[in-house]
Amino acid sequence: MVTRCYLCGGQIERRRVTAEIRWGEELTLVEDVPAWVCGNCGEAYFDAATCTALDRLRQDHPPARRKVEVPVYAFSGADY
Protein backbone atom coordinates (compact mmCIF):
# COMPACT_ATOMS: atom_id res chain seq x y z
CA MET A 1 0.00 0.00 0.00
CA VAL A 2 1.17 3.50 -0.81
CA THR A 3 1.66 5.67 2.27
CA ARG A 4 3.22 8.75 0.67
CA CYS A 5 2.64 10.42 -2.68
CA TYR A 6 5.27 9.48 -5.25
CA LEU A 7 5.04 12.96 -6.82
CA CYS A 8 5.25 15.34 -3.88
CA GLY A 9 5.73 13.17 -0.78
CA GLY A 10 2.41 14.27 0.76
CA GLN A 11 0.20 12.11 2.98
CA ILE A 12 -2.41 10.02 1.22
CA GLU A 13 -5.89 9.16 2.42
CA ARG A 14 -8.72 6.90 1.27
CA ARG A 15 -11.38 8.71 -0.80
CA ARG A 16 -13.91 8.10 -3.56
CA VAL A 17 -13.01 9.77 -6.85
CA THR A 18 -14.25 10.08 -10.41
CA ALA A 19 -11.86 8.19 -12.69
CA GLU A 20 -11.35 9.31 -16.29
CA ILE A 21 -11.02 6.42 -18.74
CA ARG A 22 -10.64 6.54 -22.52
CA TRP A 23 -12.36 3.89 -24.63
CA GLY A 24 -10.86 4.58 -28.03
CA GLU A 25 -11.70 8.22 -28.76
CA GLU A 26 -14.46 8.29 -26.11
CA LEU A 27 -13.74 9.89 -22.74
CA THR A 28 -15.62 8.04 -20.00
CA LEU A 29 -16.10 8.95 -16.34
CA VAL A 30 -16.53 6.33 -13.62
CA GLU A 31 -17.90 7.78 -10.38
CA ASP A 32 -17.36 6.66 -6.78
CA VAL A 33 -14.11 4.77 -7.43
CA PRO A 34 -12.16 3.97 -4.23
CA ALA A 35 -8.66 5.44 -4.35
CA TRP A 36 -5.75 6.60 -2.24
CA VAL A 37 -5.47 10.37 -2.82
CA CYS A 38 -2.68 12.78 -1.88
CA GLY A 39 -3.97 15.52 0.41
CA ASN A 40 -1.30 17.88 -0.94
CA CYS A 41 -1.35 17.57 -4.76
CA GLY A 42 -4.45 15.42 -5.39
CA GLU A 43 -2.69 12.57 -7.22
CA ALA A 44 -4.85 9.40 -7.06
CA TYR A 45 -3.61 5.82 -6.71
CA PHE A 46 -5.72 2.71 -7.31
CA ASP A 47 -5.10 -0.69 -5.73
CA ALA A 48 -4.94 -3.89 -7.81
CA ALA A 49 -8.55 -4.92 -7.09
CA THR A 50 -9.85 -1.52 -8.21
CA CYS A 51 -7.74 -1.62 -11.40
CA THR A 52 -9.10 -5.09 -12.17
CA ALA A 53 -12.68 -3.86 -11.66
CA LEU A 54 -12.04 -0.84 -13.93
CA ASP A 55 -10.55 -3.12 -16.61
CA ARG A 56 -13.59 -5.39 -16.40
CA LEU A 57 -15.89 -2.37 -16.74
CA ARG A 58 -13.92 -1.26 -19.81
CA GLN A 59 -14.28 -4.71 -21.39
CA ASP A 60 -18.00 -5.09 -20.58
CA HIS A 61 -18.79 -1.50 -21.63
CA PRO A 62 -22.23 -1.43 -19.89
CA PRO A 63 -24.86 1.24 -20.66
CA ALA A 64 -24.00 4.62 -19.18
CA ARG A 65 -25.84 5.80 -16.07
CA ARG A 66 -25.99 9.27 -17.62
CA LYS A 67 -24.15 11.38 -20.18
CA VAL A 68 -22.53 14.79 -19.83
CA GLU A 69 -21.36 17.19 -22.51
CA VAL A 70 -17.69 18.20 -22.35
CA PRO A 71 -16.42 21.35 -24.06
CA VAL A 72 -13.19 21.05 -26.10
CA TYR A 73 -10.84 24.00 -26.53
CA ALA A 74 -7.79 24.62 -28.73
CA PHE A 75 -4.64 25.54 -26.83
CA SER A 76 -3.32 28.91 -27.92
CA GLY A 77 -0.39 29.33 -25.54
CA ALA A 78 3.31 29.74 -26.20
CA ASP A 79 5.04 27.66 -28.85
CA TYR A 80 7.24 24.77 -27.79
PDB file of N, CA and C in Angstrom:
ATOM      1  N   MET A   1       0.835  -1.187   0.000  1.00  0.00           N
ATOM      2  CA  MET A   1       0.000   0.000   0.000  1.00  0.00           C
ATOM      3  C   MET A   1       0.881   1.254   0.000  1.00  0.00           C
ATOM      4  N   VAL A   2       0.457   2.234  -0.752  1.00  0.00           N
ATOM      5  CA  VAL A   2       1.165   3.504  -0.812  1.00  0.00           C
ATOM      6  C   VAL A   2       0.856   4.286   0.458  1.00  0.00           C
ATOM      7  N   THR A   3       1.882   4.860   1.080  1.00  0.00           N
ATOM      8  CA  THR A   3       1.656   5.669   2.274  1.00  0.00           C
ATOM      9  C   THR A   3       2.011   7.136   2.058  1.00  0.00           C
ATOM     10  N   ARG A   4       2.820   7.392   1.023  1.00  0.00           N
ATOM     11  CA  ARG A   4       3.221   8.747   0.670  1.00  0.00           C
ATOM     12  C   ARG A   4       3.082   8.918  -0.840  1.00  0.00           C
ATOM     13  N   CYS A   5       2.774  10.124  -1.263  1.00  0.00           N
ATOM     14  CA  CYS A   5       2.642  10.422  -2.684  1.00  0.00           C
ATOM     15  C   CYS A   5       4.002  10.314  -3.362  1.00  0.00           C
ATOM     16  N   TYR A   6       4.031   9.624  -4.494  1.00  0.00           N
ATOM     17  CA  TYR A   6       5.269   9.484  -5.249  1.00  0.00           C
ATOM     18  C   TYR A   6       5.683  10.791  -5.914  1.00  0.00           C
ATOM     19  N   LEU A   7       4.725  11.700  -6.144  1.00  0.00           N
ATOM     20  CA  LEU A   7       5.039  12.957  -6.824  1.00  0.00           C
ATOM     21  C   LEU A   7       5.561  14.033  -5.887  1.00  0.00           C
ATOM     22  N   CYS A   8       4.877  14.227  -4.752  1.00  0.00           N
ATOM     23  CA  CYS A   8       5.254  15.340  -3.877  1.00  0.00           C
ATOM     24  C   CYS A   8       5.631  14.915  -2.458  1.00  0.00           C
ATOM     25  N   GLY A   9       5.401  13.641  -2.120  1.00  0.00           N
ATOM     26  CA  GLY A   9       5.726  13.169  -0.777  1.00  0.00           C
ATOM     27  C   GLY A   9       4.640  13.419   0.251  1.00  0.00           C
ATOM     28  N   GLY A  10       3.506  13.970  -0.162  1.00  0.00           N
ATOM     29  CA  GLY A  10       2.410  14.270   0.764  1.00  0.00           C
ATOM     30  C   GLY A  10       1.733  13.020   1.300  1.00  0.00           C
ATOM     31  N   GLN A  11       0.965  13.199   2.369  1.00  0.00           N
ATOM     32  CA  GLN A  11       0.204  12.107   2.976  1.00  0.00           C
ATOM     33  C   GLN A  11      -0.957  11.731   2.070  1.00  0.00           C
ATOM     34  N   ILE A  12      -1.255  10.441   1.995  1.00  0.00           N
ATOM     35  CA  ILE A  12      -2.411  10.018   1.219  1.00  0.00           C
ATOM     36  C   ILE A  12      -3.507   9.522   2.141  1.00  0.00           C
ATOM     37  N   GLU A  13      -4.729   9.605   1.647  1.00  0.00           N
ATOM     38  CA  GLU A  13      -5.892   9.164   2.417  1.00  0.00           C
ATOM     39  C   GLU A  13      -6.875   8.476   1.486  1.00  0.00           C
ATOM     40  N   ARG A  14      -7.724   7.641   2.047  1.00  0.00           N
ATOM     41  CA  ARG A  14      -8.718   6.902   1.269  1.00  0.00           C
ATOM     42  C   ARG A  14      -9.874   7.834   0.929  1.00  0.00           C
ATOM     43  N   ARG A  15     -10.253   7.890  -0.341  1.00  0.00           N
ATOM     44  CA  ARG A  15     -11.376   8.709  -0.802  1.00  0.00           C
ATOM     45  C   ARG A  15     -12.065   8.019  -1.972  1.00  0.00           C
ATOM     46  N   ARG A  16     -13.213   8.526  -2.342  1.00  0.00           N
ATOM     47  CA  ARG A  16     -13.911   8.104  -3.559  1.00  0.00           C
ATOM     48  C   ARG A  16     -13.688   9.203  -4.588  1.00  0.00           C
ATOM     49  N   VAL A  17     -13.316   8.813  -5.801  1.00  0.00           N
ATOM     50  CA  VAL A  17     -13.007   9.775  -6.851  1.00  0.00           C
ATOM     51  C   VAL A  17     -13.782   9.437  -8.122  1.00  0.00           C
ATOM     52  N   THR A  18     -13.740  10.338  -9.070  1.00  0.00           N
ATOM     53  CA  THR A  18     -14.245  10.078 -10.409  1.00  0.00           C
ATOM     54  C   THR A  18     -13.033   9.797 -11.290  1.00  0.00           C
ATOM     55  N   ALA A  19     -12.981   8.585 -11.834  1.00  0.00           N
ATOM     56  CA  ALA A  19     -11.861   8.191 -12.691  1.00  0.00           C
ATOM     57  C   ALA A  19     -12.200   8.517 -14.140  1.00  0.00           C
ATOM     58  N   GLU A  20     -11.205   9.018 -14.865  1.00  0.00           N
ATOM     59  CA  GLU A  20     -11.355   9.306 -16.288  1.00  0.00           C
ATOM     60  C   GLU A  20     -10.722   8.159 -17.064  1.00  0.00           C
ATOM     61  N   ILE A  21     -11.507   7.551 -17.955  1.00  0.00           N
ATOM     62  CA  ILE A  21     -11.020   6.422 -18.740  1.00  0.00           C
ATOM     63  C   ILE A  21     -11.343   6.694 -20.199  1.00  0.00           C
ATOM     64  N   ARG A  22     -10.397   6.420 -21.076  1.00  0.00           N
ATOM     65  CA  ARG A  22     -10.638   6.545 -22.517  1.00  0.00           C
ATOM     66  C   ARG A  22     -10.919   5.175 -23.104  1.00  0.00           C
ATOM     67  N   TRP A  23     -12.018   5.073 -23.852  1.00  0.00           N
ATOM     68  CA  TRP A  23     -12.360   3.886 -24.628  1.00  0.00           C
ATOM     69  C   TRP A  23     -12.239   4.317 -26.078  1.00  0.00           C
ATOM     70  N   GLY A  24     -11.110   4.076 -26.689  1.00  0.00           N
ATOM     71  CA  GLY A  24     -10.856   4.585 -28.028  1.00  0.00           C
ATOM     72  C   GLY A  24     -10.804   6.098 -27.967  1.00  0.00           C
ATOM     73  N   GLU A  25     -11.634   6.751 -28.761  1.00  0.00           N
ATOM     74  CA  GLU A  25     -11.702   8.217 -28.759  1.00  0.00           C
ATOM     75  C   GLU A  25     -12.695   8.756 -27.735  1.00  0.00           C
ATOM     76  N   GLU A  26     -13.410   7.878 -27.049  1.00  0.00           N
ATOM     77  CA  GLU A  26     -14.455   8.295 -26.111  1.00  0.00           C
ATOM     78  C   GLU A  26     -13.886   8.465 -24.707  1.00  0.00           C
ATOM     79  N   LEU A  27     -14.111   9.640 -24.126  1.00  0.00           N
ATOM     80  CA  LEU A  27     -13.737   9.893 -22.738  1.00  0.00           C
ATOM     81  C   LEU A  27     -14.887   9.439 -21.862  1.00  0.00           C
ATOM     82  N   THR A  28     -14.595   8.595 -20.881  1.00  0.00           N
ATOM     83  CA  THR A  28     -15.615   8.040 -20.000  1.00  0.00           C
ATOM     84  C   THR A  28     -15.271   8.380 -18.554  1.00  0.00           C
ATOM     85  N   LEU A  29     -16.274   8.682 -17.768  1.00  0.00           N
ATOM     86  CA  LEU A  29     -16.097   8.950 -16.338  1.00  0.00           C
ATOM     87  C   LEU A  29     -16.723   7.816 -15.543  1.00  0.00           C
ATOM     88  N   VAL A  30     -16.013   7.355 -14.529  1.00  0.00           N
ATOM     89  CA  VAL A  30     -16.529   6.331 -13.620  1.00  0.00           C
ATOM     90  C   VAL A  30     -16.547   6.957 -12.231  1.00  0.00           C
ATOM     91  N   GLU A  31     -17.741   7.111 -11.669  1.00  0.00           N
ATOM     92  CA  GLU A  31     -17.898   7.781 -10.379  1.00  0.00           C
ATOM     93  C   GLU A  31     -17.755   6.816  -9.205  1.00  0.00           C
ATOM     94  N   ASP A  32     -17.421   7.375  -8.060  1.00  0.00           N
ATOM     95  CA  ASP A  32     -17.361   6.657  -6.777  1.00  0.00           C
ATOM     96  C   ASP A  32     -16.328   5.536  -6.759  1.00  0.00           C
ATOM     97  N   VAL A  33     -15.184   5.767  -7.387  1.00  0.00           N
ATOM     98  CA  VAL A  33     -14.113   4.771  -7.429  1.00  0.00           C
ATOM     99  C   VAL A  33     -13.246   4.936  -6.174  1.00  0.00           C
ATOM    100  N   PRO A  34     -13.028   3.861  -5.410  1.00  0.00           N
ATOM    101  CA  PRO A  34     -12.164   3.971  -4.229  1.00  0.00           C
ATOM    102  C   PRO A  34     -10.712   4.176  -4.652  1.00  0.00           C
ATOM    103  N   ALA A  35     -10.042   5.131  -4.006  1.00  0.00           N
ATOM    104  CA  ALA A  35      -8.661   5.443  -4.352  1.00  0.00           C
ATOM    105  C   ALA A  35      -7.923   5.941  -3.116  1.00  0.00           C
ATOM    106  N   TRP A  36      -6.609   5.952  -3.222  1.00  0.00           N
ATOM    107  CA  TRP A  36      -5.746   6.601  -2.244  1.00  0.00           C
ATOM    108  C   TRP A  36      -5.357   7.925  -2.887  1.00  0.00           C
ATOM    109  N   VAL A  37      -5.661   9.051  -2.219  1.00  0.00           N
ATOM    110  CA  VAL A  37      -5.469  10.372  -2.819  1.00  0.00           C
ATOM    111  C   VAL A  37      -4.549  11.215  -1.943  1.00  0.00           C
ATOM    112  N   CYS A  38      -3.596  11.896  -2.598  1.00  0.00           N
ATOM    113  CA  CYS A  38      -2.679  12.777  -1.883  1.00  0.00           C
ATOM    114  C   CYS A  38      -3.430  14.023  -1.428  1.00  0.00           C
ATOM    115  N   GLY A  39      -3.327  14.336  -0.142  1.00  0.00           N
ATOM    116  CA  GLY A  39      -3.971  15.522   0.407  1.00  0.00           C
ATOM    117  C   GLY A  39      -3.284  16.808  -0.005  1.00  0.00           C
ATOM    118  N   ASN A  40      -2.058  16.702  -0.540  1.00  0.00           N
ATOM    119  CA  ASN A  40      -1.297  17.881  -0.943  1.00  0.00           C
ATOM    120  C   ASN A  40      -1.513  18.223  -2.416  1.00  0.00           C
ATOM    121  N   CYS A  41      -1.274  17.275  -3.323  1.00  0.00           N
ATOM    122  CA  CYS A  41      -1.347  17.568  -4.761  1.00  0.00           C
ATOM    123  C   CYS A  41      -2.541  16.931  -5.468  1.00  0.00           C
ATOM    124  N   GLY A  42      -3.253  16.013  -4.808  1.00  0.00           N
ATOM    125  CA  GLY A  42      -4.449  15.416  -5.393  1.00  0.00           C
ATOM    126  C   GLY A  42      -4.211  14.205  -6.275  1.00  0.00           C
ATOM    127  N   GLU A  43      -2.965  13.752  -6.412  1.00  0.00           N
ATOM    128  CA  GLU A  43      -2.685  12.567  -7.216  1.00  0.00           C
ATOM    129  C   GLU A  43      -3.424  11.364  -6.629  1.00  0.00           C
ATOM    130  N   ALA A  44      -4.068  10.557  -7.503  1.00  0.00           N
ATOM    131  CA  ALA A  44      -4.853   9.403  -7.059  1.00  0.00           C
ATOM    132  C   ALA A  44      -4.135   8.112  -7.423  1.00  0.00           C
ATOM    133  N   TYR A  45      -4.193   7.139  -6.519  1.00  0.00           N
ATOM    134  CA  TYR A  45      -3.606   5.820  -6.713  1.00  0.00           C
ATOM    135  C   TYR A  45      -4.698   4.777  -6.505  1.00  0.00           C
ATOM    136  N   PHE A  46      -4.730   3.780  -7.400  1.00  0.00           N
ATOM    137  CA  PHE A  46      -5.720   2.712  -7.310  1.00  0.00           C
ATOM    138  C   PHE A  46      -5.040   1.411  -6.949  1.00  0.00           C
ATOM    139  N   ASP A  47      -5.663   0.617  -6.070  1.00  0.00           N
ATOM    140  CA  ASP A  47      -5.098  -0.694  -5.729  1.00  0.00           C
ATOM    141  C   ASP A  47      -5.410  -1.693  -6.841  1.00  0.00           C
ATOM    142  N   ALA A  48      -4.810  -2.880  -6.755  1.00  0.00           N
ATOM    143  CA  ALA A  48      -4.937  -3.893  -7.813  1.00  0.00           C
ATOM    144  C   ALA A  48      -6.389  -4.315  -8.029  1.00  0.00           C
ATOM    145  N   ALA A  49      -7.154  -4.490  -6.960  1.00  0.00           N
ATOM    146  CA  ALA A  49      -8.555  -4.919  -7.090  1.00  0.00           C
ATOM    147  C   ALA A  49      -9.378  -3.864  -7.825  1.00  0.00           C
ATOM    148  N   THR A  50      -9.132  -2.600  -7.540  1.00  0.00           N
ATOM    149  CA  THR A  50      -9.850  -1.522  -8.212  1.00  0.00           C
ATOM    150  C   THR A  50      -9.465  -1.458  -9.683  1.00  0.00           C
ATOM    151  N   CYS A  51      -8.183  -1.615  -9.995  1.00  0.00           N
ATOM    152  CA  CYS A  51      -7.736  -1.618 -11.396  1.00  0.00           C
ATOM    153  C   CYS A  51      -8.372  -2.773 -12.164  1.00  0.00           C
ATOM    154  N   THR A  52      -8.459  -3.934 -11.532  1.00  0.00           N
ATOM    155  CA  THR A  52      -9.100  -5.088 -12.174  1.00  0.00           C
ATOM    156  C   THR A  52     -10.571  -4.800 -12.448  1.00  0.00           C
ATOM    157  N   ALA A  53     -11.262  -4.198 -11.486  1.00  0.00           N
ATOM    158  CA  ALA A  53     -12.680  -3.862 -11.662  1.00  0.00           C
ATOM    159  C   ALA A  53     -12.861  -2.826 -12.775  1.00  0.00           C
ATOM    160  N   LEU A  54     -11.968  -1.831 -12.862  1.00  0.00           N
ATOM    161  CA  LEU A  54     -12.044  -0.836 -13.927  1.00  0.00           C
ATOM    162  C   LEU A  54     -11.776  -1.475 -15.289  1.00  0.00           C
ATOM    163  N   ASP A  55     -10.816  -2.395 -15.358  1.00  0.00           N
ATOM    164  CA  ASP A  55     -10.545  -3.117 -16.610  1.00  0.00           C
ATOM    165  C   ASP A  55     -11.755  -3.935 -17.052  1.00  0.00           C
ATOM    166  N   ARG A  56     -12.400  -4.595 -16.095  1.00  0.00           N
ATOM    167  CA  ARG A  56     -13.593  -5.391 -16.397  1.00  0.00           C
ATOM    168  C   ARG A  56     -14.718  -4.498 -16.913  1.00  0.00           C
ATOM    169  N   LEU A  57     -14.877  -3.331 -16.300  1.00  0.00           N
ATOM    170  CA  LEU A  57     -15.887  -2.375 -16.736  1.00  0.00           C
ATOM    171  C   LEU A  57     -15.589  -1.916 -18.165  1.00  0.00           C
ATOM    172  N   ARG A  58     -14.328  -1.675 -18.462  1.00  0.00           N
ATOM    173  CA  ARG A  58     -13.922  -1.256 -19.806  1.00  0.00           C
ATOM    174  C   ARG A  58     -14.241  -2.342 -20.830  1.00  0.00           C
ATOM    175  N   GLN A  59     -14.016  -3.601 -20.471  1.00  0.00           N
ATOM    176  CA  GLN A  59     -14.276  -4.715 -21.385  1.00  0.00           C
ATOM    177  C   GLN A  59     -15.775  -4.935 -21.585  1.00  0.00           C
ATOM    178  N   ASP A  60     -16.554  -4.847 -20.509  1.00  0.00           N
ATOM    179  CA  ASP A  60     -17.995  -5.091 -20.580  1.00  0.00           C
ATOM    180  C   ASP A  60     -18.737  -3.933 -21.246  1.00  0.00           C
ATOM    181  N   HIS A  61     -18.219  -2.723 -21.069  1.00  0.00           N
ATOM    182  CA  HIS A  61     -18.794  -1.499 -21.629  1.00  0.00           C
ATOM    183  C   HIS A  61     -20.318  -1.458 -21.432  1.00  0.00           C
ATOM    184  N   PRO A  62     -20.780  -1.438 -20.170  1.00  0.00           N
ATOM    185  CA  PRO A  62     -22.226  -1.427 -19.888  1.00  0.00           C
ATOM    186  C   PRO A  62     -22.867  -0.103 -20.304  1.00  0.00           C
ATOM    187  N   PRO A  63     -24.186  -0.033 -20.335  1.00  0.00           N
ATOM    188  CA  PRO A  63     -24.856   1.237 -20.656  1.00  0.00           C
ATOM    189  C   PRO A  63     -24.494   2.304 -19.614  1.00  0.00           C
ATOM    190  N   ALA A  64     -24.352   3.518 -20.084  1.00  0.00           N
ATOM    191  CA  ALA A  64     -23.997   4.621 -19.185  1.00  0.00           C
ATOM    192  C   ALA A  64     -25.159   4.959 -18.259  1.00  0.00           C
ATOM    193  N   ARG A  65     -24.840   5.337 -17.032  1.00  0.00           N
ATOM    194  CA  ARG A  65     -25.841   5.796 -16.065  1.00  0.00           C
ATOM    195  C   ARG A  65     -26.438   7.118 -16.521  1.00  0.00           C
ATOM    196  N   ARG A  66     -25.577   7.982 -17.072  1.00  0.00           N
ATOM    197  CA  ARG A  66     -25.993   9.266 -17.621  1.00  0.00           C
ATOM    198  C   ARG A  66     -24.883   9.766 -18.525  1.00  0.00           C
ATOM    199  N   LYS A  67     -25.150  10.794 -19.292  1.00  0.00           N
ATOM    200  CA  LYS A  67     -24.152  11.377 -20.184  1.00  0.00           C
ATOM    201  C   LYS A  67     -24.016  12.857 -19.868  1.00  0.00           C
ATOM    202  N   VAL A  68     -22.799  13.368 -20.016  1.00  0.00           N
ATOM    203  CA  VAL A  68     -22.529  14.789 -19.833  1.00  0.00           C
ATOM    204  C   VAL A  68     -21.821  15.300 -21.087  1.00  0.00           C
ATOM    205  N   GLU A  69     -22.021  16.562 -21.373  1.00  0.00           N
ATOM    206  CA  GLU A  69     -21.361  17.187 -22.508  1.00  0.00           C
ATOM    207  C   GLU A  69     -20.081  17.853 -22.019  1.00  0.00           C
ATOM    208  N   VAL A  70     -18.981  17.653 -22.744  1.00  0.00           N
ATOM    209  CA  VAL A  70     -17.692  18.199 -22.346  1.00  0.00           C
ATOM    210  C   VAL A  70     -17.196  19.165 -23.417  1.00  0.00           C
ATOM    211  N   PRO A  71     -16.942  20.421 -23.071  1.00  0.00           N
ATOM    212  CA  PRO A  71     -16.417  21.355 -24.063  1.00  0.00           C
ATOM    213  C   PRO A  71     -14.957  21.015 -24.397  1.00  0.00           C
ATOM    214  N   VAL A  72     -14.562  21.283 -25.641  1.00  0.00           N
ATOM    215  CA  VAL A  72     -13.187  21.049 -26.097  1.00  0.00           C
ATOM    216  C   VAL A  72     -12.639  22.369 -26.616  1.00  0.00           C
ATOM    217  N   TYR A  73     -11.457  22.735 -26.149  1.00  0.00           N
ATOM    218  CA  TYR A  73     -10.839  23.996 -26.534  1.00  0.00           C
ATOM    219  C   TYR A  73      -9.515  23.735 -27.240  1.00  0.00           C
ATOM    220  N   ALA A  74      -9.113  24.661 -28.102  1.00  0.00           N
ATOM    221  CA  ALA A  74      -7.793  24.616 -28.729  1.00  0.00           C
ATOM    222  C   ALA A  74      -6.829  25.402 -27.853  1.00  0.00           C
ATOM    223  N   PHE A  75      -5.668  24.860 -27.613  1.00  0.00           N
ATOM    224  CA  PHE A  75      -4.636  25.541 -26.831  1.00  0.00           C
ATOM    225  C   PHE A  75      -3.991  26.604 -27.687  1.00  0.00           C
ATOM    226  N   SER A  76      -3.907  27.824 -27.154  1.00  0.00           N
ATOM    227  CA  SER A  76      -3.316  28.913 -27.922  1.00  0.00           C
ATOM    228  C   SER A  76      -2.198  29.593 -27.137  1.00  0.00           C
ATOM    229  N   GLY A  77      -1.473  28.790 -26.363  1.00  0.00           N
ATOM    230  CA  GLY A  77      -0.393  29.329 -25.544  1.00  0.00           C
ATOM    231  C   GLY A  77       0.903  29.455 -26.322  1.00  0.00           C
ATOM    232  N   ALA A  78       1.980  29.572 -25.601  1.00  0.00           N
ATOM    233  CA  ALA A  78       3.305  29.739 -26.198  1.00  0.00           C
ATOM    234  C   ALA A  78       3.705  28.529 -27.019  1.00  0.00           C
ATOM    235  N   ASP A  79       4.520  28.751 -28.035  1.00  0.00           N
ATOM    236  CA  ASP A  79       5.044  27.656 -28.852  1.00  0.00           C
ATOM    237  C   ASP A  79       6.062  26.857 -28.063  1.00  0.00           C
ATOM    238  N   TYR A  80       6.252  25.618 -28.468  1.00  0.00           N
ATOM    239  CA  TYR A  80       7.244  24.765 -27.788  1.00  0.00           C
ATOM    240  C   TYR A  80       8.608  25.023 -28.335  1.00  0.00           C
TER     241      TYR A  80
END
